[in-house]
N, C-alpha and C. Protein backbone atom coordinates (compact mmCIF):
# COMPACT_ATOMS: atom_id res chain seq x y z
N MET A 1 122.64 114.36 96.90
CA MET A 1 121.47 114.98 96.30
C MET A 1 120.25 114.16 96.69
N SER A 2 119.19 114.83 97.05
CA SER A 2 117.97 114.12 97.45
C SER A 2 117.35 113.42 96.25
N ARG A 3 116.54 112.42 96.54
CA ARG A 3 115.86 111.67 95.47
C ARG A 3 114.97 112.59 94.64
N VAL A 4 114.26 113.48 95.32
CA VAL A 4 113.36 114.39 94.60
C VAL A 4 114.15 115.30 93.68
N ARG A 5 115.18 115.93 94.21
CA ARG A 5 115.96 116.85 93.39
C ARG A 5 116.59 116.10 92.21
N ALA A 6 117.11 114.91 92.45
CA ALA A 6 117.72 114.14 91.37
C ALA A 6 116.69 113.82 90.30
N ARG A 7 115.47 113.43 90.72
CA ARG A 7 114.42 113.11 89.74
C ARG A 7 113.98 114.35 88.98
N VAL A 8 113.89 115.47 89.67
CA VAL A 8 113.46 116.70 89.01
C VAL A 8 114.51 117.14 88.00
N GLN A 9 115.77 117.06 88.37
CA GLN A 9 116.84 117.49 87.47
C GLN A 9 117.05 116.50 86.32
N ARG A 10 116.91 115.22 86.60
CA ARG A 10 117.23 114.18 85.63
C ARG A 10 116.01 113.69 84.87
N GLY A 11 114.85 113.76 85.49
CA GLY A 11 113.66 113.20 84.88
C GLY A 11 113.60 111.70 85.09
N ARG A 12 112.47 111.13 84.88
CA ARG A 12 112.29 109.69 85.15
C ARG A 12 113.10 108.84 84.18
N ARG A 13 113.25 109.29 82.98
CA ARG A 13 113.91 108.47 81.97
C ARG A 13 115.37 108.85 81.75
N GLY A 14 115.94 109.65 82.64
CA GLY A 14 117.35 110.00 82.55
C GLY A 14 117.64 111.27 81.77
N TRP A 15 116.62 111.92 81.26
CA TRP A 15 116.85 113.17 80.55
C TRP A 15 116.15 114.30 81.29
N ALA A 16 116.66 115.49 81.09
CA ALA A 16 116.11 116.65 81.80
C ALA A 16 114.70 116.95 81.30
N PRO A 17 113.75 117.13 82.21
CA PRO A 17 112.39 117.47 81.80
C PRO A 17 112.31 118.92 81.34
N GLY A 18 111.27 119.22 80.61
CA GLY A 18 111.05 120.61 80.22
C GLY A 18 110.49 121.40 81.39
N GLY A 19 110.43 122.69 81.24
CA GLY A 19 109.83 123.51 82.29
C GLY A 19 110.81 123.85 83.39
N ILE A 20 110.30 123.99 84.59
CA ILE A 20 111.07 124.45 85.73
C ILE A 20 111.91 123.30 86.27
N VAL A 21 113.23 123.44 86.24
CA VAL A 21 114.12 122.38 86.69
C VAL A 21 114.49 122.58 88.15
N THR A 22 114.48 123.80 88.64
CA THR A 22 114.90 124.07 90.02
C THR A 22 113.71 124.35 90.94
N TYR A 23 112.59 123.72 90.66
CA TYR A 23 111.38 123.91 91.45
C TYR A 23 111.65 123.55 92.90
N ALA A 24 111.16 124.33 93.82
CA ALA A 24 111.41 124.12 95.25
C ALA A 24 110.94 122.74 95.69
N ALA A 25 111.83 121.99 96.35
CA ALA A 25 111.52 120.63 96.78
C ALA A 25 110.33 120.59 97.74
N ASP A 26 110.23 121.56 98.64
CA ASP A 26 109.11 121.58 99.59
C ASP A 26 107.78 121.74 98.85
N ARG A 27 107.75 122.63 97.88
CA ARG A 27 106.52 122.86 97.11
C ARG A 27 106.16 121.61 96.30
N LEU A 28 107.16 120.98 95.73
CA LEU A 28 106.93 119.75 94.97
C LEU A 28 106.33 118.67 95.86
N HIS A 29 106.87 118.51 97.06
CA HIS A 29 106.32 117.53 98.01
C HIS A 29 104.87 117.85 98.35
N GLU A 30 104.55 119.13 98.56
CA GLU A 30 103.18 119.53 98.87
C GLU A 30 102.23 119.14 97.73
N GLU A 31 102.63 119.44 96.51
CA GLU A 31 101.78 119.13 95.36
C GLU A 31 101.57 117.63 95.21
N VAL A 32 102.66 116.87 95.32
CA VAL A 32 102.57 115.42 95.16
C VAL A 32 101.69 114.83 96.27
N ALA A 33 101.90 115.25 97.50
CA ALA A 33 101.10 114.74 98.61
C ALA A 33 99.63 115.07 98.44
N TYR A 34 99.33 116.27 97.98
CA TYR A 34 97.95 116.72 97.79
C TYR A 34 97.24 115.87 96.74
N VAL A 35 97.88 115.69 95.59
CA VAL A 35 97.28 114.90 94.52
C VAL A 35 97.19 113.43 94.93
N ALA A 36 98.24 112.91 95.55
CA ALA A 36 98.25 111.50 95.97
C ALA A 36 97.15 111.24 97.00
N TYR A 37 96.96 112.15 97.92
CA TYR A 37 95.94 111.99 98.96
C TYR A 37 94.54 111.90 98.35
N HIS A 38 94.27 112.77 97.39
CA HIS A 38 92.93 112.83 96.82
C HIS A 38 92.68 111.81 95.72
N PHE A 39 93.67 111.52 94.91
CA PHE A 39 93.48 110.61 93.77
C PHE A 39 94.09 109.23 93.98
N HIS A 40 94.89 109.08 95.03
CA HIS A 40 95.54 107.79 95.32
C HIS A 40 96.46 107.34 94.18
N TRP A 41 97.12 108.31 93.56
CA TRP A 41 98.08 108.00 92.50
C TRP A 41 99.45 107.79 93.13
N SER A 42 100.32 107.09 92.43
CA SER A 42 101.67 106.83 92.92
C SER A 42 102.54 108.07 92.75
N TRP A 43 103.61 108.10 93.55
CA TRP A 43 104.62 109.17 93.48
C TRP A 43 105.11 109.32 92.04
N ASP A 44 105.49 108.21 91.41
CA ASP A 44 106.03 108.25 90.05
C ASP A 44 105.00 108.78 89.05
N SER A 45 103.75 108.37 89.19
CA SER A 45 102.72 108.84 88.27
C SER A 45 102.54 110.35 88.36
N ILE A 46 102.57 110.86 89.55
CA ILE A 46 102.39 112.31 89.75
C ILE A 46 103.61 113.07 89.25
N LEU A 47 104.81 112.57 89.53
CA LEU A 47 106.02 113.24 89.06
C LEU A 47 106.17 113.18 87.54
N ASP A 48 105.54 112.19 86.91
CA ASP A 48 105.60 112.10 85.45
C ASP A 48 104.74 113.17 84.77
N LEU A 49 103.83 113.78 85.51
CA LEU A 49 103.02 114.86 84.95
C LEU A 49 103.90 116.08 84.66
N GLU A 50 103.61 116.77 83.59
CA GLU A 50 104.27 118.05 83.34
C GLU A 50 103.83 119.02 84.44
N HIS A 51 104.68 119.97 84.76
CA HIS A 51 104.40 120.91 85.84
C HIS A 51 103.05 121.60 85.68
N PRO A 52 102.72 122.16 84.51
CA PRO A 52 101.41 122.81 84.38
C PRO A 52 100.24 121.84 84.59
N ASP A 53 100.39 120.60 84.16
CA ASP A 53 99.33 119.62 84.36
C ASP A 53 99.15 119.30 85.84
N ARG A 54 100.27 119.15 86.56
CA ARG A 54 100.18 118.87 88.00
C ARG A 54 99.52 120.03 88.72
N LEU A 55 99.88 121.25 88.36
CA LEU A 55 99.25 122.43 88.98
C LEU A 55 97.76 122.49 88.66
N ARG A 56 97.38 122.07 87.48
CA ARG A 56 95.96 122.06 87.10
C ARG A 56 95.18 121.09 87.99
N TYR A 57 95.76 119.90 88.23
CA TYR A 57 95.10 118.94 89.12
C TYR A 57 94.98 119.50 90.53
N VAL A 58 96.02 120.15 91.01
CA VAL A 58 95.98 120.76 92.35
C VAL A 58 94.85 121.79 92.41
N ALA A 59 94.75 122.62 91.38
CA ALA A 59 93.70 123.65 91.36
C ALA A 59 92.30 123.03 91.29
N GLU A 60 92.14 122.00 90.48
CA GLU A 60 90.83 121.35 90.36
C GLU A 60 90.41 120.67 91.65
N ILE A 61 91.35 120.01 92.31
CA ILE A 61 91.05 119.38 93.60
C ILE A 61 90.63 120.46 94.60
N ALA A 62 91.34 121.57 94.62
CA ALA A 62 91.00 122.66 95.54
C ALA A 62 89.59 123.19 95.27
N ARG A 63 89.25 123.34 93.98
CA ARG A 63 87.90 123.82 93.62
C ARG A 63 86.82 122.84 94.08
N ILE A 64 87.06 121.56 93.86
CA ILE A 64 86.11 120.54 94.30
C ILE A 64 85.94 120.59 95.81
N ASN A 65 87.05 120.67 96.53
CA ASN A 65 86.98 120.72 97.99
C ASN A 65 86.24 121.96 98.48
N THR A 66 86.44 123.08 97.81
CA THR A 66 85.74 124.32 98.18
C THR A 66 84.24 124.16 97.98
N ARG A 67 83.85 123.62 96.83
CA ARG A 67 82.41 123.41 96.56
C ARG A 67 81.79 122.48 97.58
N ILE A 68 82.49 121.41 97.92
CA ILE A 68 81.97 120.45 98.91
C ILE A 68 81.82 121.12 100.27
N SER A 69 82.82 121.88 100.67
CA SER A 69 82.77 122.51 102.00
C SER A 69 81.70 123.60 102.08
N GLN A 70 81.33 124.17 100.92
CA GLN A 70 80.28 125.19 100.90
C GLN A 70 78.90 124.57 100.66
N GLY A 71 78.86 123.25 100.52
CA GLY A 71 77.59 122.56 100.35
C GLY A 71 76.97 122.70 98.99
N ARG A 72 77.77 122.93 97.97
CA ARG A 72 77.23 123.06 96.61
C ARG A 72 77.49 121.83 95.80
């Protein structure tokens, strides 16, 4: 089992996290890389976020990038 899948299924503290347990590993990597690139947070810090919170950060980063690219 991959490290990501094991962490998603088991959680950081050894118990199953709430929310989506079978989240696609590729999508998870994309989200973690995106947040890590922009905020310079560690892998563990990002994975410790609840799924909705991580998606919110992804959306906010995208909005900021859009505003910057449009010169606003």
